[in-house]
Amino acid sequence: MKRLRILILPILIVSGMNCEYTFEPLQESDYVFSMYGYLDLYSGYQWIRVSPVRETVISFGDSSDTRVTLKRESTGVVSDLPGYKFTRFVDGKQVYYWNYLSEDSLHGGEEYTLTATNSGGESSHATVKIPKEFPLPVSQHFDGTRFSSLVTGSGVEKFVILERVYMMNTASGLRLVRITEIDENMVTIDQNGNFRIVLNDNGKVSDALGNAAVRVSVNDAYMIIVSGNESWPELAESDEAAALLDVQRNVSNGLGVVAGVAARSISLLPCYDSNNVPVACPPRNIKRADIFPGTPEVSVYE
């Protein structure tokens, strides 16, 4: 079974890196910047972490002379991304880092180049292809006792994340379980791009809940579908710390990963038309911080 770390890596870094990793000094090189993040077709804004490559991947500087731009290759239009300073403490030291914000609308199937340039004219860049748009998939069936589902759709070039979220009433109260995996037996795609996703999460939910799995009723169930394309960096089997340093990167003259994605969230509880035929439910908000605040959370990653 493939372990998925592809999208998790940029999210960790943009939101504030896990401080358990220890970074050794980088060897002397021509690297100028480290860049981490992703450009999501369906998001109204994008955050990209950009840091000068100094003695370590984490910069302890409190100022930035960096210009960050995003260029739409098909038109040549270039936008400047404003930088925002964030702080946190690492080993008792206050760390400053910079995230850059883009609010440009992205276009599916097109290439964008993110470039960071310092005051001396040195630069790093990454060219990213955005996945094409795809219609909202349809949940054809959901079994709340076995946590099994059938989802159908079209237009996805490559699945990189299929995250299921189940909100349940249990004997010990409300519980939230997230399950993320892509199994080769889970997804089938025909020559016309039509796909079927067959989910069987009963065992994973039971393992996550333990004794609380007795007398469970489902309040809500949905899936976050993230598509990529042939330009997606193959990080699936890489260690995050190694990927940070150099093993996996798509940044020229620099370190890091900037990926293009198209992320949609759908209800696993089917919606029906007036003839009782399953149809696509309205899209859901993917903003994770707003999902069931205060609910105990259990994560399962295999």
C-alpha atoms as a PDB file:
ATOM      1  CA  MET A   1       0.000   0.000   0.000  1.00  0.00           C
ATOM      2  CA  LYS A   2       1.395   3.370  -0.984  1.00  0.00           C
ATOM      3  CA  ARG A   3       2.078   5.824   1.827  1.00  0.00           C
ATOM      4  CA  LEU A   4       1.107   9.352   0.909  1.00  0.00           C
ATOM      5  CA  ARG A   5       3.275  12.246   1.924  1.00  0.00           C
ATOM      6  CA  ILE A   6       3.032  14.311  -1.223  1.00  0.00           C
ATOM      7  CA  LEU A   7       0.731  17.119  -0.188  1.00  0.00           C
ATOM      8  CA  ILE A   8       1.462  16.873   3.507  1.00  0.00           C
ATOM      9  CA  LEU A   9       5.012  18.170   3.052  1.00  0.00           C
ATOM     10  CA  PRO A  10       4.148  21.610   1.631  1.00  0.00           C
ATOM     11  CA  ILE A  11       1.309  22.014   4.132  1.00  0.00           C
ATOM     12  CA  LEU A  12       3.604  21.313   7.071  1.00  0.00           C
ATOM     13  CA  ILE A  13       6.087  23.885   5.944  1.00  0.00           C
ATOM     14  CA  VAL A  14       3.664  26.633   5.063  1.00  0.00           C
ATOM     15  CA  SER A  15       1.771  26.230   8.336  1.00  0.00           C
ATOM     16  CA  GLY A  16       4.872  26.051  10.526  1.00  0.00           C
ATOM     17  CA  MET A  17       7.424  23.256  10.330  1.00  0.00           C
ATOM     18  CA  ASN A  18       7.514  20.391  12.789  1.00  0.00           C
ATOM     19  CA  CYS A  19      10.415  21.243  15.057  1.00  0.00           C
ATOM     20  CA  GLU A  20      11.377  17.631  15.740  1.00  0.00           C
ATOM     21  CA  TYR A  21      13.512  17.557  12.596  1.00  0.00           C
ATOM     22  CA  THR A  22      17.188  18.457  13.016  1.00  0.00           C
ATOM     23  CA  PHE A  23      18.809  20.065   9.998  1.00  0.00           C
ATOM     24  CA  GLU A  24      22.512  19.761   9.289  1.00  0.00           C
ATOM     25  CA  PRO A  25      24.299  22.680   7.590  1.00  0.00           C
ATOM     26  CA  LEU A  26      23.978  22.582   3.813  1.00  0.00           C
ATOM     27  CA  GLN A  27      27.024  22.001   1.682  1.00  0.00           C
ATOM     28  CA  GLU A  28      28.314  24.954  -0.282  1.00  0.00           C
ATOM     29  CA  SER A  29      26.251  25.234  -3.448  1.00  0.00           C
ATOM     30  CA  ASP A  30      24.586  27.564  -5.893  1.00  0.00           C
ATOM     31  CA  TYR A  31      21.238  27.260  -4.133  1.00  0.00           C
ATOM     32  CA  VAL A  32      19.650  30.644  -3.485  1.00  0.00           C
ATOM     33  CA  PHE A  33      16.185  29.991  -2.005  1.00  0.00           C
ATOM     34  CA  SER A  34      14.109  27.199  -0.572  1.00  0.00           C
ATOM     35  CA  MET A  35      10.491  27.281  -1.771  1.00  0.00           C
ATOM     36  CA  TYR A  36       7.615  25.176  -0.478  1.00  0.00           C
ATOM     37  CA  GLY A  37       3.908  25.176  -1.130  1.00  0.00           C
ATOM     38  CA  TYR A  38       1.296  24.359  -3.713  1.00  0.00           C
ATOM     39  CA  LEU A  39      -0.876  26.154  -6.246  1.00  0.00           C
ATOM     40  CA  ASP A  40      -4.472  24.929  -5.985  1.00  0.00           C
ATOM     41  CA  LEU A  41      -6.778  25.504  -8.949  1.00  0.00           C
ATOM     42  CA  TYR A  42      -9.870  25.714  -6.760  1.00  0.00           C
ATOM     43  CA  SER A  43      -8.475  27.894  -3.973  1.00  0.00           C
ATOM     44  CA  GLY A  44      -8.953  31.648  -3.934  1.00  0.00           C
ATOM     45  CA  TYR A  45      -5.469  32.210  -2.540  1.00  0.00           C
ATOM     46  CA  GLN A  46      -2.106  30.462  -2.241  1.00  0.00           C
ATOM     47  CA  TRP A  47       0.598  30.631   0.444  1.00  0.00           C
ATOM     48  CA  ILE A  48       4.187  29.837  -0.544  1.00  0.00           C
ATOM     49  CA  ARG A  49       7.058  29.651   1.962  1.00  0.00           C
ATOM     50  CA  VAL A  50      10.228  31.273   0.576  1.00  0.00           C
ATOM     51  CA  SER A  51      13.474  31.418   2.570  1.00  0.00           C
ATOM     52  CA  PRO A  52      17.065  32.226   1.630  1.00  0.00           C
ATOM     53  CA  VAL A  53      19.356  29.200   1.775  1.00  0.00           C
ATOM     54  CA  ARG A  54      21.815  30.152   4.480  1.00  0.00           C
ATOM     55  CA  GLU A  55      23.440  27.889   7.048  1.00  0.00           C
ATOM     56  CA  THR A  56      20.310  25.854   7.594  1.00  0.00           C
ATOM     57  CA  VAL A  57      16.961  25.373   5.919  1.00  0.00           C
ATOM     58  CA  ILE A  58      15.296  27.389   8.671  1.00  0.00           C
ATOM     59  CA  SER A  59      16.283  31.040   8.550  1.00  0.00           C
ATOM     60  CA  PHE A  60      16.709  33.010  11.757  1.00  0.00           C
ATOM     61  CA  GLY A  61      16.725  36.373   9.987  1.00  0.00           C
ATOM     62  CA  ASP A  62      14.066  38.927  10.849  1.00  0.00           C
ATOM     63  CA  SER A  63      13.888  40.760   7.520  1.00  0.00           C
ATOM     64  CA  SER A  64      13.536  39.930   3.831  1.00  0.00           C
ATOM     65  CA  ASP A  65      14.840  41.629   0.698  1.00  0.00           C
ATOM     66  CA  THR A  66      13.182  39.001  -1.483  1.00  0.00           C
ATOM     67  CA  ARG A  67      10.922  39.726  -4.434  1.00  0.00           C
ATOM     68  CA  VAL A  68       8.555  36.868  -5.231  1.00  0.00           C
ATOM     69  CA  THR A  69       6.567  36.800  -8.474  1.00  0.00           C
ATOM     70  CA  LEU A  70       4.091  34.471 -10.160  1.00  0.00           C
ATOM     71  CA  LYS A  71       4.042  34.418 -13.963  1.00  0.00           C
ATOM     72  CA  ARG A  72       1.262  32.944 -16.096  1.00  0.00           C
ATOM     73  CA  GLU A  73       3.271  31.513 -18.961  1.00  0.00           C
ATOM     74  CA  SER A  74       0.482  31.631 -21.571  1.00  0.00           C
ATOM     75  CA  THR A  75       0.058  35.404 -21.263  1.00  0.00           C
ATOM     76  CA  GLY A  76       3.358  36.555 -19.793  1.00  0.00           C
ATOM     77  CA  VAL A  77       1.484  38.406 -17.029  1.00  0.00           C
ATOM     78  CA  VAL A  78       3.593  38.683 -13.871  1.00  0.00           C
ATOM     79  CA  SER A  79       2.176  39.384 -10.397  1.00  0.00           C
ATOM     80  CA  ASP A  80       4.155  40.441  -7.334  1.00  0.00           C
ATOM     81  CA  LEU A  81       3.362  38.440  -4.212  1.00  0.00           C
ATOM     82  CA  PRO A  82       3.343  40.364  -0.924  1.00  0.00           C
ATOM     83  CA  GLY A  83       5.356  38.795   1.894  1.00  0.00           C
ATOM     84  CA  TYR A  84       4.149  38.314   5.458  1.00  0.00           C
ATOM     85  CA  LYS A  85       6.449  37.626   8.390  1.00  0.00           C
ATOM     86  CA  PHE A  86       5.543  34.798  10.758  1.00  0.00           C
ATOM     87  CA  THR A  87       7.272  33.889  14.001  1.00  0.00           C
ATOM     88  CA  ARG A  88       7.616  30.876  16.264  1.00  0.00           C
ATOM     89  CA  PHE A  89      10.088  29.558  18.812  1.00  0.00           C
ATOM     90  CA  VAL A  90      12.567  26.769  18.005  1.00  0.00           C
ATOM     91  CA  ASP A  91      14.803  25.558  20.844  1.00  0.00           C
ATOM     92  CA  GLY A  92      14.101  28.758  22.745  1.00  0.00           C
ATOM     93  CA  LYS A  93      15.008  30.996  19.804  1.00  0.00           C
ATOM     94  CA  GLN A  94      12.528  33.197  17.998  1.00  0.00           C
ATOM     95  CA  VAL A  95      12.426  32.149  14.339  1.00  0.00           C
ATOM     96  CA  TYR A  96      11.221  34.467  11.588  1.00  0.00           C
ATOM     97  CA  TYR A  97      10.035  33.120   8.280  1.00  0.00           C
ATOM     98  CA  TRP A  98       8.226  34.528   5.296  1.00  0.00           C
ATOM     99  CA  ASN A  99       5.132  33.328   3.492  1.00  0.00           C
ATOM    100  CA  TYR A 100       4.099  34.965   0.228  1.00  0.00           C
ATOM    101  CA  LEU A 101       0.475  35.343  -0.774  1.00  0.00           C
ATOM    102  CA  SER A 102      -1.041  35.021  -4.235  1.00  0.00           C
ATOM    103  CA  GLU A 103      -4.678  35.838  -4.863  1.00  0.00           C
ATOM    104  CA  ASP A 104      -4.469  35.388  -8.636  1.00  0.00           C
ATOM    105  CA  SER A 105      -7.055  33.147 -10.280  1.00  0.00           C
ATOM    106  CA  LEU A 106      -5.405  30.032 -11.663  1.00  0.00           C
ATOM    107  CA  HIS A 107      -6.291  28.364 -14.966  1.00  0.00           C
ATOM    108  CA  GLY A 108      -6.402  24.604 -15.356  1.00  0.00           C
ATOM    109  CA  GLY A 109      -3.959  22.987 -17.753  1.00  0.00           C
ATOM    110  CA  GLU A 110      -1.630  26.007 -17.775  1.00  0.00           C
ATOM    111  CA  GLU A 111       1.899  26.554 -16.503  1.00  0.00           C
ATOM    112  CA  TYR A 112       2.942  29.109 -13.895  1.00  0.00           C
ATOM    113  CA  THR A 113       6.440  30.081 -12.818  1.00  0.00           C
ATOM    114  CA  LEU A 114       7.156  31.144  -9.246  1.00  0.00           C
ATOM    115  CA  THR A 115      10.393  33.153  -8.972  1.00  0.00           C
ATOM    116  CA  ALA A 116      12.205  34.486  -5.909  1.00  0.00           C
ATOM    117  CA  THR A 117      14.937  37.091  -6.424  1.00  0.00           C
ATOM    118  CA  ASN A 118      17.196  38.733  -3.852  1.00  0.00           C
ATOM    119  CA  SER A 119      18.607  42.257  -3.909  1.00  0.00           C
ATOM    120  CA  GLY A 120      21.784  40.989  -5.584  1.00  0.00           C
ATOM    121  CA  GLY A 121      19.851  39.633  -8.550  1.00  0.00           C
ATOM    122  CA  GLU A 122      20.244  35.966  -7.598  1.00  0.00           C
ATOM    123  CA  SER A 123      17.111  33.902  -8.063  1.00  0.00           C
ATOM    124  CA  SER A 124      15.416  30.516  -7.783  1.00  0.00           C
ATOM    125  CA  HIS A 125      12.314  29.453  -9.661  1.00  0.00           C
ATOM    126  CA  ALA A 126       9.848  26.609 -10.109  1.00  0.00           C
ATOM    127  CA  THR A 127       7.546  26.075 -13.088  1.00  0.00           C
ATOM    128  CA  VAL A 128       4.320  24.289 -12.183  1.00  0.00           C
ATOM    129  CA  LYS A 129       1.565  22.905 -14.388  1.00  0.00           C
ATOM    130  CA  ILE A 130      -1.910  23.260 -12.903  1.00  0.00           C
ATOM    131  CA  PRO A 131      -4.191  20.215 -13.304  1.00  0.00           C
ATOM    132  CA  LYS A 132      -7.248  20.590 -15.479  1.00  0.00           C
ATOM    133  CA  GLU A 133     -10.670  21.299 -13.997  1.00  0.00           C
ATOM    134  CA  PHE A 134     -12.828  18.293 -13.222  1.00  0.00           C
ATOM    135  CA  PRO A 135     -16.566  18.080 -12.452  1.00  0.00           C
ATOM    136  CA  LEU A 136     -17.709  17.380  -8.917  1.00  0.00           C
ATOM    137  CA  PRO A 137     -17.785  13.581  -8.489  1.00  0.00           C
ATOM    138  CA  VAL A 138     -20.990  11.816  -7.450  1.00  0.00           C
ATOM    139  CA  SER A 139     -21.411   9.610  -4.402  1.00  0.00           C
ATOM    140  CA  GLN A 140     -23.529   6.731  -5.688  1.00  0.00           C
ATOM    141  CA  HIS A 141     -23.781   4.814  -2.444  1.00  0.00           C
ATOM    142  CA  PHE A 142     -22.813   5.033   1.231  1.00  0.00           C
ATOM    143  CA  ASP A 143     -23.089   2.320   3.878  1.00  0.00           C
ATOM    144  CA  GLY A 144     -22.811   3.936   7.305  1.00  0.00           C
ATOM    145  CA  THR A 145     -22.427   0.630   9.099  1.00  0.00           C
ATOM    146  CA  ARG A 146     -19.483  -0.620   7.049  1.00  0.00           C
ATOM    147  CA  PHE A 147     -18.090   2.772   5.949  1.00  0.00           C
ATOM    148  CA  SER A 148     -18.168   1.699   2.326  1.00  0.00           C
ATOM    149  CA  SER A 149     -18.833   4.025  -0.590  1.00  0.00           C
ATOM    150  CA  LEU A 150     -18.888   4.180  -4.369  1.00  0.00           C
ATOM    151  CA  VAL A 151     -17.872   7.489  -5.971  1.00  0.00           C
ATOM    152  CA  THR A 152     -17.855   8.102  -9.714  1.00  0.00           C
ATOM    153  CA  GLY A 153     -16.617  10.987 -11.833  1.00  0.00           C
ATOM    154  CA  SER A 154     -14.459  12.078 -14.729  1.00  0.00           C
ATOM    155  CA  GLY A 155     -11.657  14.391 -15.801  1.00  0.00           C
ATOM    156  CA  VAL A 156      -8.949  13.561 -13.228  1.00  0.00           C
ATOM    157  CA  GLU A 157      -5.478  12.990 -14.661  1.00  0.00           C
ATOM    158  CA  LYS A 158      -3.912  11.623 -11.480  1.00  0.00           C
ATOM    159  CA  PHE A 159      -5.129  11.194  -7.909  1.00  0.00           C
ATOM    160  CA  VAL A 160      -2.616  12.315  -5.279  1.00  0.00           C
ATOM    161  CA  ILE A 161      -4.823  12.555  -2.177  1.00  0.00           C
ATOM    162  CA  LEU A 162      -8.089  10.838  -1.269  1.00  0.00           C
ATOM    163  CA  GLU A 163      -8.825  11.838   2.318  1.00  0.00           C
ATOM    164  CA  ARG A 164     -11.993  10.546   3.937  1.00  0.00           C
ATOM    165  CA  VAL A 165     -13.392  12.282   7.000  1.00  0.00           C
ATOM    166  CA  TYR A 166     -16.014  10.625   9.193  1.00  0.00           C
ATOM    167  CA  MET A 167     -17.880  12.429  11.983  1.00  0.00           C
ATOM    168  CA  MET A 168     -19.572   9.967  14.329  1.00  0.00           C
ATOM    169  CA  ASN A 169     -21.595   9.662  17.492  1.00  0.00           C
ATOM    170  CA  THR A 170     -19.991   6.988  19.677  1.00  0.00           C
ATOM    171  CA  ALA A 171     -20.490   5.687  23.194  1.00  0.00           C
ATOM    172  CA  SER A 172     -17.750   8.089  24.324  1.00  0.00           C
ATOM    173  CA  GLY A 173     -19.112  11.107  22.441  1.00  0.00           C
ATOM    174  CA  LEU A 174     -18.411  12.751  19.105  1.00  0.00           C
ATOM    175  CA  ARG A 175     -15.342  11.465  17.260  1.00  0.00           C
ATOM    176  CA  LEU A 176     -13.639  12.522  14.057  1.00  0.00           C
ATOM    177  CA  VAL A 177     -11.574  10.061  12.010  1.00  0.00           C
ATOM    178  CA  ARG A 178      -9.480  10.972   8.950  1.00  0.00           C
ATOM    179  CA  ILE A 179      -8.193   8.284   6.607  1.00  0.00           C
ATOM    180  CA  THR A 180      -5.801   9.004   3.748  1.00  0.00           C
ATOM    181  CA  GLU A 181      -4.609   6.424   1.251  1.00  0.00           C
ATOM    182  CA  ILE A 182      -4.544   5.572  -2.408  1.00  0.00           C
ATOM    183  CA  ASP A 183      -4.630   1.864  -3.092  1.00  0.00           C
ATOM    184  CA  GLU A 184      -4.276   0.549  -6.627  1.00  0.00           C
ATOM    185  CA  ASN A 185      -7.425  -1.506  -6.051  1.00  0.00           C
ATOM    186  CA  MET A 186      -9.390   1.500  -4.848  1.00  0.00           C
ATOM    187  CA  VAL A 187      -9.441   3.533  -8.060  1.00  0.00           C
ATOM    188  CA  THR A 188     -10.137   2.507 -11.641  1.00  0.00           C
ATOM    189  CA  ILE A 189      -9.962   4.916 -14.587  1.00  0.00           C
ATOM    190  CA  ASP A 190     -11.061   3.976 -18.104  1.00  0.00           C
ATOM    191  CA  GLN A 191      -9.613   5.205 -21.418  1.00  0.00           C
ATOM    192  CA  ASN A 192     -12.123   8.080 -21.517  1.00  0.00           C
ATOM    193  CA  GLY A 193     -11.059   9.429 -18.126  1.00  0.00           C
ATOM    194  CA  ASN A 194     -14.110   8.162 -16.234  1.00  0.00           C
ATOM    195  CA  PHE A 195     -13.241   6.865 -12.779  1.00  0.00           C
ATOM    196  CA  ARG A 196     -14.690   4.781  -9.953  1.00  0.00           C
ATOM    197  CA  ILE A 197     -13.520   5.033  -6.353  1.00  0.00           C
ATOM    198  CA  VAL A 198     -14.526   2.116  -4.135  1.00  0.00           C
ATOM    199  CA  LEU A 199     -14.032   2.767  -0.415  1.00  0.00           C
ATOM    200  CA  ASN A 200     -14.059   0.133   2.320  1.00  0.00           C
ATOM    201  CA  ASP A 201     -12.997   1.892   5.523  1.00  0.00           C
ATOM    202  CA  ASN A 202     -14.723  -0.197   8.173  1.00  0.00           C
ATOM    203  CA  GLY A 203     -11.555  -1.829   9.478  1.00  0.00           C
ATOM    204  CA  LYS A 204      -9.606   1.419   9.609  1.00  0.00           C
ATOM    205  CA  VAL A 205     -12.404   3.244  11.430  1.00  0.00           C
ATOM    206  CA  SER A 206     -12.657   0.399  13.960  1.00  0.00           C
ATOM    207  CA  ASP A 207      -8.899   0.460  14.530  1.00  0.00           C
ATOM    208  CA  ALA A 208      -8.934   4.210  15.050  1.00  0.00           C
ATOM    209  CA  LEU A 209     -11.858   4.226  17.474  1.00  0.00           C
ATOM    210  CA  GLY A 210     -10.963   1.129  19.486  1.00  0.00           C
ATOM    211  CA  ASN A 211     -13.574   0.476  22.165  1.00  0.00           C
ATOM    212  CA  ALA A 212     -15.530   3.537  21.011  1.00  0.00           C
ATOM    213  CA  ALA A 213     -16.381   1.711  17.775  1.00  0.00           C
ATOM    214  CA  VAL A 214     -19.372   0.064  19.475  1.00  0.00           C
ATOM    215  CA  ARG A 215     -22.779   1.571  18.577  1.00  0.00           C
ATOM    216  CA  VAL A 216     -21.477   4.142  16.092  1.00  0.00           C
ATOM    217  CA  SER A 217     -23.780   6.373  14.061  1.00  0.00           C
ATOM    218  CA  VAL A 218     -22.494   8.623  11.283  1.00  0.00           C
ATOM    219  CA  ASN A 219     -23.239  12.347  11.500  1.00  0.00           C
ATOM    220  CA  ASP A 220     -21.255  13.356   8.443  1.00  0.00           C
ATOM    221  CA  ALA A 221     -18.895  11.834   5.893  1.00  0.00           C
ATOM    222  CA  TYR A 222     -16.968  13.505   3.109  1.00  0.00           C
ATOM    223  CA  MET A 223     -13.868  13.085   0.976  1.00  0.00           C
ATOM    224  CA  ILE A 224     -11.180  15.538  -0.096  1.00  0.00           C
ATOM    225  CA  ILE A 225     -10.043  14.698  -3.626  1.00  0.00           C
ATOM    226  CA  VAL A 226      -6.766  16.202  -4.815  1.00  0.00           C
ATOM    227  CA  SER A 227      -5.683  15.690  -8.402  1.00  0.00           C
ATOM    228  CA  GLY A 228      -2.287  16.262  -9.957  1.00  0.00           C
ATOM    229  CA  ASN A 229      -0.726  15.642 -13.356  1.00  0.00           C
ATOM    230  CA  GLU A 230       2.431  14.329 -14.970  1.00  0.00           C
ATOM    231  CA  SER A 231       4.469  17.202 -13.487  1.00  0.00           C
ATOM    232  CA  TRP A 232       3.597  16.189  -9.928  1.00  0.00           C
ATOM    233  CA  PRO A 233       6.804  15.594  -7.878  1.00  0.00           C
ATOM    234  CA  GLU A 234       7.145  11.932  -6.926  1.00  0.00           C
ATOM    235  CA  LEU A 235       7.563  12.292  -3.161  1.00  0.00           C
ATOM    236  CA  ALA A 236       5.344   9.428  -2.105  1.00  0.00           C
ATOM    237  CA  GLU A 237       8.056   7.202  -0.679  1.00  0.00           C
ATOM    238  CA  SER A 238      10.511   9.877   0.455  1.00  0.00           C
ATOM    239  CA  ASP A 239      11.325  10.911   3.972  1.00  0.00           C
ATOM    240  CA  GLU A 240      10.215  14.487   4.637  1.00  0.00           C
ATOM    241  CA  ALA A 241      13.526  15.617   6.091  1.00  0.00           C
ATOM    242  CA  ALA A 242      15.457  14.211   3.141  1.00  0.00           C
ATOM    243  CA  ALA A 243      13.048  15.886   0.754  1.00  0.00           C
ATOM    244  CA  LEU A 244      13.652  19.194   2.487  1.00  0.00           C
ATOM    245  CA  LEU A 245      17.383  19.026   1.980  1.00  0.00           C
ATOM    246  CA  ASP A 246      17.635  18.029  -1.659  1.00  0.00           C
ATOM    247  CA  VAL A 247      16.516  14.498  -2.466  1.00  0.00           C
ATOM    248  CA  GLN A 248      13.232  15.625  -3.947  1.00  0.00           C
ATOM    249  CA  ARG A 249      12.888  19.084  -5.432  1.00  0.00           C
ATOM    250  CA  ASN A 250      11.587  20.913  -8.475  1.00  0.00           C
ATOM    251  CA  VAL A 251      13.111  24.315  -7.692  1.00  0.00           C
ATOM    252  CA  SER A 252      15.851  25.467 -10.068  1.00  0.00           C
ATOM    253  CA  ASN A 253      18.854  27.021  -8.266  1.00  0.00           C
ATOM    254  CA  GLY A 254      17.190  26.184  -4.984  1.00  0.00           C
ATOM    255  CA  LEU A 255      15.582  23.660  -2.699  1.00  0.00           C
ATOM    256  CA  GLY A 256      12.037  22.538  -2.139  1.00  0.00           C
ATOM    257  CA  VAL A 257       8.831  21.574  -3.850  1.00  0.00           C
ATOM    258  CA  VAL A 258       6.120  23.735  -5.407  1.00  0.00           C
ATOM    259  CA  ALA A 259       3.284  21.580  -6.734  1.00  0.00           C
ATOM    260  CA  GLY A 260       0.177  22.161  -8.817  1.00  0.00           C
ATOM    261  CA  VAL A 261      -3.057  20.618  -7.542  1.00  0.00           C
ATOM    262  CA  ALA A 262      -6.815  20.741  -7.975  1.00  0.00           C
ATOM    263  CA  ALA A 263      -8.550  20.005  -4.668  1.00  0.00           C
ATOM    264  CA  ARG A 264     -12.284  19.420  -4.211  1.00  0.00           C
ATOM    265  CA  SER A 265     -14.320  18.197  -1.271  1.00  0.00           C
ATOM    266  CA  ILE A 266     -17.472  16.124  -1.746  1.00  0.00           C
ATOM    267  CA  SER A 267     -20.056  14.605   0.549  1.00  0.00           C
ATOM    268  CA  LEU A 268     -20.001  10.820   0.790  1.00  0.00           C
ATOM    269  CA  LEU A 269     -23.635  10.969   1.846  1.00  0.00           C
ATOM    270  CA  PRO A 270     -25.427  10.857  -1.540  1.00  0.00           C
ATOM    271  CA  CYS A 271     -27.554  13.666  -2.937  1.00  0.00           C
ATOM    272  CA  TYR A 272     -30.500  12.871  -5.222  1.00  0.00           C
ATOM    273  CA  ASP A 273     -32.518  14.646  -7.871  1.00  0.00           C
ATOM    274  CA  SER A 274     -36.331  14.675  -8.089  1.00  0.00           C
ATOM    275  CA  ASN A 275     -36.240  11.218  -9.707  1.00  0.00           C
ATOM    276  CA  ASN A 276     -34.163   9.781  -6.859  1.00  0.00           C
ATOM    277  CA  VAL A 277     -31.075   9.532  -9.072  1.00  0.00           C
ATOM    278  CA  PRO A 278     -27.713  10.272  -7.393  1.00  0.00           C
ATOM    279  CA  VAL A 279     -26.255  13.650  -8.388  1.00  0.00           C
ATOM    280  CA  ALA A 280     -23.252  15.716  -7.354  1.00  0.00           C
ATOM    281  CA  CYS A 281     -23.711  17.394  -3.992  1.00  0.00           C
ATOM    282  CA  PRO A 282     -22.788  21.079  -3.562  1.00  0.00           C
ATOM    283  CA  PRO A 283     -19.008  21.561  -3.062  1.00  0.00           C
ATOM    284  CA  ARG A 284     -17.738  21.738   0.504  1.00  0.00           C
ATOM    285  CA  ASN A 285     -15.242  24.083   2.070  1.00  0.00           C
ATOM    286  CA  ILE A 286     -11.835  22.439   2.424  1.00  0.00           C
ATOM    287  CA  LYS A 287     -10.522  24.846   5.083  1.00  0.00           C
ATOM    288  CA  ARG A 288      -9.470  22.312   7.678  1.00  0.00           C
ATOM    289  CA  ALA A 289      -9.212  24.676  10.640  1.00  0.00           C
ATOM    290  CA  ASP A 290     -12.959  25.241  10.470  1.00  0.00           C
ATOM    291  CA  ILE A 291     -13.900  21.543  10.435  1.00  0.00           C
ATOM    292  CA  PHE A 292     -15.641  20.435  13.621  1.00  0.00           C
ATOM    293  CA  PRO A 293     -13.674  22.655  16.038  1.00  0.00           C
ATOM    294  CA  GLY A 294     -13.018  21.127  19.439  1.00  0.00           C
ATOM    295  CA  THR A 295     -13.731  17.568  18.277  1.00  0.00           C
ATOM    296  CA  PRO A 296     -11.204  14.851  19.274  1.00  0.00           C
ATOM    297  CA  GLU A 297      -9.379  13.772  16.150  1.00  0.00           C
ATOM    298  CA  VAL A 298      -7.828  10.450  15.200  1.00  0.00           C
ATOM    299  CA  SER A 299      -5.712  10.155  12.053  1.00  0.00           C
ATOM    300  CA  VAL A 300      -4.954   6.976  10.139  1.00  0.00           C
ATOM    301  CA  TYR A 301      -2.208   7.048   7.496  1.00  0.00           C
ATOM    302  CA  GLU A 302      -1.127   3.789   5.845  1.00  0.00           C
END
